[in-house]
């Protein structure tokens, strides 16, 4: 696509066109009430005009901190219409996390609810209260196109290995990502379709929402995995699509075990590899409708896609290292490189590098803004391989590779063997420091089932002995980040605060 076409992005006319075609359709339901697309767009345009009239220039960082709900949707639309850089601040952040994100992005103005206003004012921010935006709809077509190169979205990495970085995406890239997200939907949603969303709107749920609204479909946006609300929706056929990353899927299939939910056209799954044991449980409940995708903060979905039919064939006989996430999406290039930066042949495991037409323009850390490398590729820190059919398989995280007794061990490989040993509960592999071995491997399950360690040991017969954990421990809850990803770093800290390592040839853990 010629650069001149994306020199400006017509968010206003795009939204006005959707309203003209689908304005009478319900856009969002929060489990209690709904709002139509026309009303949603009118509220979005009103807030966007307020930002413009206040002199907020395109590309200026403006924070948005709202829990899942109808206001979160029309407020994020307003950020696009106004051309500002939306700084997504999860409503569940701690004060220290909130301060870090604000300082990193240089954000001084935040759109939020009255309940959070004091916290942001205490950090030196001006606030716009969502409750005080006039209930006086405006025409989105009044908002002029915004510069394509202006910053549009500031997202934050998951922080699984350290303090989050701020990822910067332009309006041109954000617009193109929205088009590509919609292009990869199959079957294509339309009027009458509804997708159930229960994860934070500022992450993957928002991408799906925009794509559905563009085709006149609606979303049911809950504040979390609220089974009391979600299960009746599924059982009575009130939704025909579901966004269920593995953590959400485990809760759903655990509650629906033994039941068959008909009428679901697609279960969208991403954010973390879907292990075969959980896929099997999901298939038993929903049928062969699970669609796998791979996404990163630096280059949003779709990076790679494994459609439902292909996913079902793969999970029938998974083979080789890693978990398959499918073929590269439109406009995406995937390379597997070794430690020297050379591109590896199919089948070889190395670091995944990505380049896409809808990716970020760089990132911000404590040292400032860093543009993408000259070749435009992003080094993901993920380990992967490309198979003979051109599909990407994720093997693990480069930072998580355990070096024990001279061996390099991928925690994800052990977790795949342990999947299902604790039912639908999560199991994680972490390493602890050892002078004798370098690192020792520990398995941790999110369960109180005292019989789990014996089942776990029995499940590892197919792995070499050096890959077997030295201890099998139980925790009531595994720490997660706001996106629902398990934080190995925090599990490690929790274990070191509770146990002492008895080092040597046969290491063990003793409670402190």
Protein backbone atom coordinates (compact mmCIF):
# COMPACT_ATOMS: atom_id res chain seq x y z
CA UNK A 1 0.00 0.00 0.00
CA UNK A 2 1.57 3.35 -0.98
CA UNK A 3 2.64 5.44 2.01
CA UNK A 4 0.56 8.37 0.74
CA UNK A 5 -2.65 6.43 1.32
CA UNK A 6 -1.86 6.17 5.03
CA UNK A 7 -0.55 9.73 5.37
CA UNK A 8 -3.83 10.42 7.15
CA UNK A 9 -6.29 8.03 8.79
CA UNK A 10 -10.03 8.79 8.47
CA UNK A 11 -11.25 7.31 11.73
CA UNK A 12 -14.25 9.66 11.77
CA UNK A 13 -15.59 8.80 8.34
CA UNK A 14 -14.90 5.09 8.91
CA UNK A 15 -17.04 5.12 12.05
CA UNK A 16 -19.72 7.24 10.38
CA UNK A 17 -19.91 4.71 7.53
CA UNK A 18 -20.35 1.84 9.99
CA UNK A 19 -23.13 3.77 11.72
CA UNK A 20 -24.86 4.46 8.41
CA UNK A 21 -24.90 0.74 7.63
CA UNK A 22 -25.33 -0.83 11.06
CA UNK A 23 -26.38 1.99 13.41
CA UNK A 24 -29.49 0.19 14.67
CA UNK A 25 -27.56 -2.86 15.87
CA UNK A 26 -26.59 -3.40 19.50
CA UNK A 27 -22.86 -2.79 19.81
CA UNK A 28 -22.02 -3.63 23.43
CA UNK A 29 -23.81 -5.38 26.27
CA UNK A 30 -22.21 -5.48 29.72
CA UNK A 31 -24.34 -8.27 31.13
CA UNK A 32 -26.93 -5.83 32.47
CA UNK A 33 -27.61 -3.28 29.74
CA UNK A 34 -26.71 -2.61 26.13
CA UNK A 35 -25.98 0.30 23.81
CA UNK A 36 -26.49 0.57 20.06
CA UNK A 37 -23.71 1.40 17.60
CA UNK A 38 -25.21 4.81 16.77
CA UNK A 39 -25.34 5.89 20.43
CA UNK A 40 -21.88 4.45 21.08
CA UNK A 41 -20.42 6.42 18.17
CA UNK A 42 -22.16 9.61 19.30
CA UNK A 43 -20.63 9.36 22.78
CA UNK A 44 -17.22 8.64 21.23
CA UNK A 45 -17.41 11.70 19.01
CA UNK A 46 -18.46 13.94 21.91
CA UNK A 47 -15.41 12.98 24.00
CA UNK A 48 -13.15 13.29 20.95
CA UNK A 49 -14.39 16.83 20.33
CA UNK A 50 -13.80 17.68 24.00
CA UNK A 51 -10.17 16.57 23.63
CA UNK A 52 -9.71 18.55 20.42
CA UNK A 53 -11.38 21.65 21.87
CA UNK A 54 -9.11 21.41 24.92
CA UNK A 55 -6.12 21.73 22.57
CA UNK A 56 -4.89 18.14 22.86
CA UNK A 57 -2.87 17.68 19.68
CA UNK A 58 -2.70 14.46 17.63
CA UNK A 59 -0.04 12.11 18.96
CA UNK A 60 -0.25 13.49 22.53
CA UNK A 61 -0.27 10.77 25.19
CA UNK A 62 -3.61 10.55 26.99
CA UNK A 63 -4.20 7.86 29.57
CA UNK A 64 -7.31 5.71 29.59
CA UNK A 65 -8.10 3.74 32.74
CA UNK A 66 -11.53 2.17 32.89
CA UNK A 67 -12.75 -1.28 33.85
CA UNK A 68 -14.47 -3.42 31.24
CA UNK A 69 -17.82 -1.94 30.34
CA UNK A 70 -19.65 0.24 27.85
CA UNK A 71 -17.72 3.47 28.68
CA UNK A 72 -14.40 1.72 28.01
CA UNK A 73 -15.51 1.04 24.43
CA UNK A 74 -16.73 4.48 23.49
CA UNK A 75 -13.79 6.14 25.25
CA UNK A 76 -11.21 4.17 23.28
CA UNK A 77 -13.06 5.04 20.08
CA UNK A 78 -12.80 8.69 21.13
CA UNK A 79 -9.01 8.40 21.42
CA UNK A 80 -8.79 7.22 17.83
CA UNK A 81 -11.18 9.89 16.56
CA UNK A 82 -9.23 12.65 18.33
CA UNK A 83 -5.93 11.32 16.97
CA UNK A 84 -4.26 11.14 20.39
CA UNK A 85 -1.98 8.37 21.66
CA UNK A 86 -4.12 6.17 23.89
CA UNK A 87 -2.10 5.03 26.90
CA UNK A 88 -3.89 1.93 28.08
CA UNK A 89 -3.75 1.71 31.88
CA UNK A 90 -5.27 -1.45 33.27
CA UNK A 91 -7.72 -0.54 36.01
CA UNK A 92 -6.14 -3.19 38.24
CA UNK A 93 -2.63 -1.71 38.28
CA UNK A 94 -0.97 -0.98 41.61
CA UNK A 95 0.13 2.56 42.43
CA UNK A 96 3.76 1.74 41.61
CA UNK A 97 2.80 0.14 38.28
CA UNK A 98 0.57 3.11 37.43
CA UNK A 99 3.36 5.58 38.21
CA UNK A 100 5.84 3.61 36.09
CA UNK A 101 3.52 3.63 33.05
CA UNK A 102 2.72 7.33 33.39
CA UNK A 103 6.36 8.33 33.81
CA UNK A 104 7.56 6.16 30.93
CA UNK A 105 5.00 7.57 28.49
CA UNK A 106 5.05 11.14 29.83
CA UNK A 107 1.27 11.07 30.30
CA UNK A 108 -0.25 14.08 32.08
CA UNK A 109 -3.95 13.74 31.19
CA UNK A 110 -6.06 10.67 32.00
CA UNK A 111 -9.62 9.75 31.12
CA UNK A 112 -10.98 7.70 34.00
CA UNK A 113 -13.91 7.14 36.36
CA UNK A 114 -14.57 9.13 39.52
CA UNK A 115 -13.54 6.17 41.67
CA UNK A 116 -9.97 6.32 40.29
CA UNK A 117 -9.64 10.08 39.82
CA UNK A 118 -7.97 10.75 43.16
CA UNK A 119 -5.24 8.19 42.52
CA UNK A 120 -4.28 9.90 39.24
CA UNK A 121 -4.49 13.40 40.69
CA UNK A 122 -2.14 12.28 43.47
CA UNK A 123 0.34 11.36 40.72
CA UNK A 124 0.15 14.85 39.22
CA UNK A 125 -2.26 14.13 36.38
CA UNK A 126 -5.22 16.11 35.14
CA UNK A 127 -8.31 13.97 34.69
CA UNK A 128 -11.41 13.88 32.55
CA UNK A 129 -14.17 12.03 34.37
CA UNK A 130 -16.07 9.66 32.15
CA UNK A 131 -19.21 10.42 34.18
CA UNK A 132 -18.95 14.11 33.25
CA UNK A 133 -18.77 13.68 29.46
CA UNK A 134 -22.00 15.31 28.24
CA UNK A 135 -24.70 12.90 27.13
CA UNK A 136 -25.00 14.88 23.92
CA UNK A 137 -24.07 12.77 20.89
CA UNK A 138 -21.92 14.24 18.14
CA UNK A 139 -21.39 13.15 14.55
CA UNK A 140 -18.09 11.21 14.17
CA UNK A 141 -17.81 12.60 10.64
CA UNK A 142 -17.06 15.99 12.24
CA UNK A 143 -13.65 14.68 13.31
CA UNK A 144 -11.05 15.26 10.57
CA UNK A 145 -8.54 12.60 9.50
CA UNK A 146 -5.51 12.28 11.77
CA UNK A 147 -1.84 12.14 10.75
CA UNK A 148 -0.84 8.57 10.00
CA UNK A 149 2.61 8.95 11.57
CA UNK A 150 1.22 10.36 14.85
CA UNK A 151 1.44 8.09 17.88
CA UNK A 152 -1.86 6.27 18.37
CA UNK A 153 -1.38 3.62 21.03
CA UNK A 154 0.99 3.13 23.93
CA UNK A 155 0.81 -0.44 25.18
CA UNK A 156 2.98 -2.09 27.77
CA UNK A 157 4.81 -5.38 27.65
CA UNK A 158 3.69 -8.03 30.10
CA UNK A 159 6.61 -7.50 32.47
CA UNK A 160 7.16 -11.25 32.84
CA UNK A 161 10.95 -10.80 32.89
CA UNK A 162 11.29 -7.26 34.26
CA UNK A 163 9.69 -3.81 34.28
CA UNK A 164 7.29 -3.28 31.37
CA UNK A 165 8.41 -1.30 28.32
CA UNK A 166 6.07 1.07 26.49
CA UNK A 167 5.32 -0.03 22.93
CA UNK A 168 4.46 2.76 20.49
CA UNK A 169 2.10 2.23 17.54
CA UNK A 170 1.17 4.91 14.99
CA UNK A 171 -2.33 5.66 13.71
CA UNK A 172 -1.43 4.25 10.29
CA UNK A 173 -0.31 0.96 11.84
CA UNK A 174 -3.31 0.83 14.17
CA UNK A 175 -5.70 1.35 11.27
CA UNK A 176 -4.00 -1.34 9.21
CA UNK A 177 -4.00 -3.77 12.16
CA UNK A 178 -7.75 -3.29 12.43
CA UNK A 179 -8.22 -4.05 8.72
CA UNK A 180 -6.02 -7.17 8.92
CA UNK A 181 -7.75 -8.40 12.07
CA UNK A 182 -11.08 -8.22 10.28
CA UNK A 183 -9.69 -9.80 7.10
CA UNK A 184 -8.64 -12.93 9.00
CA UNK A 185 -12.07 -13.55 10.54
CA UNK A 186 -13.60 -16.73 9.13
CA UNK A 187 -16.50 -17.12 9.38
CA UNK A 188 -17.06 -13.39 9.06
CA UNK A 189 -19.37 -12.05 11.80
CA UNK A 190 -22.27 -9.81 10.90
CA UNK A 191 -25.53 -8.42 12.29
CA UNK A 192 -26.87 -10.85 14.86
CA UNK A 193 -23.47 -12.24 15.83
CA UNK A 194 -22.14 -11.60 19.35
CA UNK A 195 -18.78 -12.42 20.88
CA UNK A 196 -18.30 -13.04 24.60
CA UNK A 197 -15.32 -11.08 26.00
CA UNK A 198 -14.06 -11.39 29.57
CA UNK A 199 -10.42 -10.27 29.43
CA UNK A 200 -9.23 -6.65 29.78
CA UNK A 201 -10.63 -4.51 26.98
CA UNK A 202 -7.35 -2.61 26.54
CA UNK A 203 -5.70 -5.83 25.32
CA UNK A 204 -7.00 -8.49 22.92
CA UNK A 205 -10.67 -7.92 23.69
CA UNK A 206 -10.46 -4.43 22.19
CA UNK A 207 -9.03 -5.72 18.89
CA UNK A 208 -11.90 -8.15 18.49
CA UNK A 209 -14.48 -5.52 19.45
CA UNK A 210 -13.43 -3.10 16.71
CA UNK A 211 -13.41 -5.84 14.08
CA UNK A 212 -16.90 -7.01 15.07
CA UNK A 213 -18.33 -3.49 15.12
CA UNK A 214 -17.00 -2.83 11.62
CA UNK A 215 -19.27 -5.63 10.37
CA UNK A 216 -22.31 -4.75 12.46
CA UNK A 217 -21.78 -7.51 15.04
CA UNK A 218 -21.95 -7.00 18.79
CA UNK A 219 -19.93 -7.86 21.87
CA UNK A 220 -20.85 -8.93 25.39
CA UNK A 221 -18.14 -7.37 27.54
CA UNK A 222 -18.01 -8.65 31.13
CA UNK A 223 -15.74 -7.32 33.89
CA UNK A 224 -13.97 -10.63 34.25
CA UNK A 225 -14.55 -14.36 34.04
CA UNK A 226 -17.94 -14.11 35.72
CA UNK A 227 -19.27 -17.66 35.36
CA UNK A 228 -22.63 -16.70 36.85
CA UNK A 229 -23.18 -14.40 33.85
CA UNK A 230 -21.15 -16.22 31.20
CA UNK A 231 -22.51 -19.76 31.51
CA UNK A 232 -26.19 -18.84 30.93
CA UNK A 233 -25.17 -16.81 27.86
CA UNK A 234 -23.39 -19.83 26.43
CA UNK A 235 -26.06 -22.35 27.37
CA UNK A 236 -28.94 -20.41 25.85
CA UNK A 237 -27.07 -19.50 22.66
CA UNK A 238 -26.93 -15.75 23.33
CA UNK A 239 -23.41 -15.57 21.85
CA UNK A 240 -21.90 -17.36 18.86
CA UNK A 241 -18.22 -16.45 19.34
CA UNK A 242 -16.00 -16.53 22.43
CA UNK A 243 -12.58 -15.03 23.15
CA UNK A 244 -10.95 -17.51 25.53
CA UNK A 245 -7.20 -17.41 26.11
CA UNK A 246 -5.99 -20.56 27.91
CA UNK A 247 -6.57 -19.14 31.41
CA UNK A 248 -10.18 -18.25 30.51
CA UNK A 249 -10.73 -21.47 28.58
CA UNK A 250 -9.63 -23.57 31.57
CA UNK A 251 -12.26 -21.91 33.77
CA UNK A 252 -15.01 -22.29 31.16
CA UNK A 253 -14.40 -25.95 30.33
CA UNK A 254 -13.94 -26.77 34.02
CA UNK A 255 -17.41 -25.39 34.72
CA UNK A 256 -18.95 -26.94 31.58
CA UNK A 257 -17.33 -30.38 31.79
CA UNK A 258 -19.71 -33.04 30.52
CA UNK A 259 -21.89 -30.51 28.66
CA UNK A 260 -22.01 -29.70 24.93
CA UNK A 261 -22.47 -26.05 23.90
CA UNK A 262 -23.87 -25.92 20.38
CA UNK A 263 -23.90 -22.91 18.08
CA UNK A 264 -20.44 -21.49 18.82
CA UNK A 265 -18.87 -20.60 15.48
CA UNK A 266 -15.40 -19.67 16.73
CA UNK A 267 -13.48 -19.78 19.98
CA UNK A 268 -10.62 -17.28 19.63
CA UNK A 269 -7.56 -18.38 21.57
CA UNK A 270 -4.27 -16.51 21.93
CA UNK A 271 -1.90 -14.75 24.40
CA UNK A 272 -0.29 -18.08 25.38
CA UNK A 273 0.19 -21.48 23.70
CA UNK A 274 -2.80 -23.81 24.00
CA UNK A 275 -1.66 -27.20 25.28
CA UNK A 276 -3.17 -30.40 23.83
CA UNK A 277 -4.87 -31.50 27.06
CA UNK A 278 -6.80 -28.25 27.35
CA UNK A 279 -7.65 -28.25 23.63
CA UNK A 280 -9.17 -31.70 24.03
CA UNK A 281 -11.38 -30.50 26.88
CA UNK A 282 -12.45 -27.41 24.91
CA UNK A 283 -13.27 -29.49 21.84
CA UNK A 284 -15.48 -31.77 23.93
CA UNK A 285 -17.50 -28.74 25.08
CA UNK A 286 -17.56 -26.48 22.00
CA UNK A 287 -16.63 -28.74 19.08
CA UNK A 288 -13.74 -28.26 16.60
CA UNK A 289 -14.10 -24.46 16.47
CA UNK A 290 -10.95 -23.25 18.26
CA UNK A 291 -8.86 -20.73 16.29
CA UNK A 292 -5.28 -20.19 17.42
CA UNK A 293 -3.42 -16.91 16.96
CA UNK A 294 -0.07 -15.47 17.98
CA UNK A 295 0.25 -11.84 19.02
CA UNK A 296 2.73 -9.53 20.73
CA UNK A 297 2.55 -6.04 22.15
CA UNK A 298 5.01 -5.00 19.42
CA UNK A 299 2.99 -6.44 16.52
CA UNK A 300 -0.61 -7.18 17.34
CA UNK A 301 -2.74 -10.03 16.05
CA UNK A 302 -2.77 -11.51 13.54
CA UNK A 303 0.93 -12.47 13.46
CA UNK A 304 0.15 -16.11 12.82
CA UNK A 305 -3.18 -17.92 12.50
CA UNK A 306 -4.15 -21.58 12.80
CA UNK A 307 -7.77 -21.84 11.62
CA UNK A 308 -10.16 -24.23 13.38
CA UNK A 309 -9.94 -27.10 10.87
CA UNK A 310 -6.15 -26.92 10.82
CA UNK A 311 -6.04 -26.65 14.62
CA UNK A 312 -8.20 -29.74 14.97
CA UNK A 313 -5.94 -31.70 12.62
CA UNK A 314 -2.82 -30.56 14.47
CA UNK A 315 -4.09 -31.38 17.96
CA UNK A 316 -5.17 -34.84 16.78
CA UNK A 317 -1.48 -35.67 16.37
CA UNK A 318 0.79 -32.91 17.75
CA UNK A 319 4.40 -33.60 16.83
CA UNK A 320 7.83 -32.07 17.35
CA UNK A 321 9.03 -29.36 19.69
CA UNK A 322 6.68 -26.59 20.73
CA UNK A 323 3.03 -25.77 20.13
CA UNK A 324 1.77 -24.80 16.67
CA UNK A 325 0.31 -21.29 16.24
CA UNK A 326 -0.14 -21.41 12.48
CA UNK A 327 0.87 -19.63 9.32
CA UNK A 328 2.04 -16.02 9.06
CA UNK A 329 -0.76 -13.50 8.71
CA UNK A 330 -1.06 -11.10 5.79
CA UNK A 331 1.85 -8.67 5.63
CA UNK A 332 3.86 -10.52 8.31
CA UNK A 333 7.36 -11.95 7.89
CA UNK A 334 8.71 -14.50 10.35
CA UNK A 335 12.36 -15.48 10.65
CA UNK A 336 14.00 -17.91 13.08
CA UNK A 337 17.52 -16.75 13.91
CA UNK A 338 20.40 -18.22 15.88
CA UNK A 339 22.45 -16.39 18.51
CA UNK A 340 24.68 -14.90 15.79
CA UNK A 341 21.68 -13.49 13.91
CA UNK A 342 21.76 -15.97 11.01
CA UNK A 343 18.45 -17.21 9.64
CA UNK A 344 17.88 -20.88 10.45
CA UNK A 345 16.45 -23.57 8.22
CA UNK A 346 12.99 -25.10 8.76
CA UNK A 347 12.92 -27.37 11.78
CA UNK A 348 15.72 -25.62 13.67
CA UNK A 349 14.90 -23.87 16.96
CA UNK A 350 15.97 -20.26 17.46
CA UNK A 351 14.65 -16.83 18.40
CA UNK A 352 11.53 -15.66 16.57
CA UNK A 353 11.99 -12.38 14.68
CA UNK A 354 9.00 -10.54 13.21
CA UNK A 355 8.39 -7.80 10.70
CA UNK A 356 4.94 -6.56 9.74
CA UNK A 357 3.16 -3.69 8.06
CA UNK A 358 1.07 -3.05 11.17
CA UNK A 359 3.74 -3.29 13.86
CA UNK A 360 4.96 -0.74 16.37
CA UNK A 361 7.42 1.99 15.42
CA UNK A 362 9.57 1.42 18.52
CA UNK A 363 9.53 1.29 22.29
CA UNK A 364 10.23 3.49 25.32
CA UNK A 365 12.25 2.42 28.32
CA UNK A 366 14.13 4.28 31.05
CA UNK A 367 16.69 5.42 28.46
CA UNK A 368 14.06 6.97 26.14
CA UNK A 369 12.50 6.11 22.79
CA UNK A 370 14.12 3.43 20.64
CA UNK A 371 12.96 3.05 17.02
CA UNK A 372 12.87 -0.34 15.35
CA UNK A 373 16.18 -1.67 13.99
CA UNK A 374 17.07 -0.63 10.44
CA UNK A 375 15.84 -3.93 9.00
CA UNK A 376 12.48 -3.41 10.72
CA UNK A 377 12.52 -6.78 12.49
CA UNK A 378 11.58 -7.18 16.15
CA UNK A 379 13.44 -9.77 18.23
CA UNK A 380 10.62 -11.29 20.26
CA UNK A 381 12.53 -13.25 22.90
CA UNK A 382 10.34 -16.23 21.96
CA UNK A 383 11.95 -19.48 20.89
CA UNK A 384 10.36 -21.19 17.92
CA UNK A 385 10.72 -23.18 14.75
CA UNK A 386 9.11 -23.26 11.31
CA UNK A 387 7.92 -26.69 10.23
CA UNK A 388 8.00 -28.19 6.73
CA UNK A 389 4.51 -26.76 6.04
CA UNK A 390 5.57 -23.22 6.93
CA UNK A 391 3.79 -23.11 10.30
CA UNK A 392 5.29 -21.47 13.36
CA UNK A 393 5.71 -23.53 16.53
CA UNK A 394 6.49 -21.76 19.83
CA UNK A 395 8.98 -23.66 21.98
CA UNK A 396 9.39 -21.27 24.91
CA UNK A 397 10.90 -18.00 26.05
CA UNK A 398 14.59 -17.29 25.56
CA UNK A 399 14.78 -15.75 29.03
CA UNK A 400 13.15 -18.83 30.59
CA UNK A 401 15.63 -21.38 29.26
CA UNK A 402 17.01 -23.29 32.25
CA UNK A 403 20.71 -24.19 32.33
CA UNK A 404 21.10 -27.12 34.70
CA UNK A 405 24.06 -29.49 34.88
CA UNK A 406 25.28 -28.36 31.47
CA UNK A 407 21.93 -28.91 29.76
CA UNK A 408 19.61 -26.32 28.22
CA UNK A 409 16.04 -27.12 29.21
CA UNK A 410 12.82 -25.49 27.97
CA UNK A 411 10.23 -25.15 30.80
CA UNK A 412 7.38 -25.19 28.28
CA UNK A 413 8.32 -28.73 27.22
CA UNK A 414 7.89 -29.98 30.80
CA UNK A 415 4.66 -28.01 31.23
CA UNK A 416 3.22 -29.71 28.14
CA UNK A 417 3.88 -33.12 29.72
CA UNK A 418 2.25 -32.01 33.00
CA UNK A 419 -0.80 -30.41 31.38
CA UNK A 420 -3.98 -31.95 32.72
CA UNK A 421 -2.35 -33.62 35.72
CA UNK A 422 -4.04 -31.04 37.96
CA UNK A 423 -7.30 -31.06 36.02
CA UNK A 424 -7.93 -27.61 34.57
CA UNK A 425 -5.67 -25.98 37.17
CA UNK A 426 -2.50 -24.29 35.94
CA UNK A 427 0.91 -25.92 36.27
CA UNK A 428 4.13 -23.93 35.91
CA UNK A 429 7.83 -24.78 35.77
CA UNK A 430 10.35 -22.42 37.36
CA UNK A 431 14.04 -22.61 38.15
CA UNK A 432 15.83 -21.80 41.39
CA UNK A 433 19.55 -20.95 41.77
CA UNK A 434 21.96 -23.75 42.67
CA UNK A 435 25.70 -23.53 43.12
CA UNK A 436 26.05 -27.23 42.32
CA UNK A 437 23.76 -27.44 39.24
CA UNK A 438 23.52 -23.81 38.14
CA UNK A 439 19.73 -24.02 38.35
CA UNK A 440 17.28 -26.63 39.58
CA UNK A 441 13.82 -27.23 38.17
CA UNK A 442 10.69 -27.01 40.32
CA UNK A 443 7.09 -27.78 39.31
CA UNK A 444 4.29 -25.76 40.90
CA UNK A 445 0.55 -26.39 40.58
CA UNK A 446 -2.31 -24.04 41.38
CA UNK A 447 -4.13 -26.60 43.48
CA UNK A 448 -4.57 -27.94 46.99
CA UNK A 449 -4.73 -31.55 45.75
CA UNK A 450 -2.09 -33.41 47.73
CA UNK A 451 -2.12 -36.30 45.24
CA UNK A 452 -0.97 -34.08 42.38
CA UNK A 453 2.81 -34.61 42.85
CA UNK A 454 2.45 -38.38 42.35
CA UNK A 455 0.38 -37.91 39.17
CA UNK A 456 2.86 -35.34 37.92
CA UNK A 457 5.86 -37.62 38.42
CA UNK A 458 4.06 -40.43 36.61
CA UNK A 459 3.36 -38.15 33.62
CA UNK A 460 7.05 -37.41 33.01
CA UNK A 461 8.13 -40.89 31.92
CA UNK A 462 8.69 -39.72 28.36
CA UNK A 463 11.23 -37.05 29.33
CA UNK A 464 14.94 -37.49 29.97
CA UNK A 465 15.79 -37.62 33.67
CA UNK A 466 17.68 -34.33 33.60
CA UNK A 467 14.40 -32.60 32.67
CA UNK A 468 12.52 -33.90 35.72
CA UNK A 469 11.74 -31.35 38.46
CA UNK A 470 13.52 -31.69 41.78
CA UNK A 471 10.36 -30.75 43.68
CA UNK A 472 6.60 -30.66 43.12
CA UNK A 473 4.91 -27.90 45.11
CA UNK A 474 1.35 -26.60 45.60
CA UNK A 475 0.24 -22.96 45.69
CA UNK A 476 -3.32 -21.75 46.22
CA UNK A 477 -2.84 -19.20 43.43
CA UNK A 478 -0.15 -18.57 40.83
CA UNK A 479 0.72 -14.88 40.31
CA UNK A 480 -0.45 -13.42 37.01
CA UNK A 481 -0.12 -10.10 35.23
CA UNK A 482 -3.20 -8.06 34.18
CA UNK A 483 -3.34 -9.97 30.87
CA UNK A 484 -3.66 -13.26 32.73
CA UNK A 485 -0.16 -14.58 31.97
CA UNK A 486 1.51 -16.56 34.71
CA UNK A 487 4.57 -14.73 36.05
CA UNK A 488 7.39 -17.23 36.54
CA UNK A 489 9.53 -14.48 38.04
CA UNK A 490 7.00 -13.91 40.84
CA UNK A 491 6.54 -17.62 41.44
CA UNK A 492 10.31 -17.88 41.87
CA UNK A 493 10.27 -15.02 44.39
CA UNK A 494 7.40 -16.62 46.31
CA UNK A 495 9.22 -19.95 46.55
CA UNK A 496 12.48 -18.36 47.69
CA UNK A 497 10.58 -16.57 50.45
CA UNK A 498 9.11 -19.86 51.70
CA UNK A 499 11.81 -22.47 51.11
CA UNK A 500 15.52 -22.97 51.66
CA UNK A 501 17.51 -24.83 49.02
CA UNK A 502 19.53 -27.75 50.36
CA UNK A 503 22.14 -27.84 47.60
CA UNK A 504 24.32 -30.65 46.31
CA UNK A 505 24.12 -33.68 44.01
CA UNK A 506 20.54 -34.42 45.21
CA UNK A 507 19.10 -30.98 46.00
CA UNK A 508 15.86 -30.52 47.95
CA UNK A 509 13.72 -27.75 49.39
CA UNK A 510 12.98 -27.23 53.06
CA UNK A 511 10.32 -24.86 54.42
CA UNK A 512 11.73 -21.79 56.14
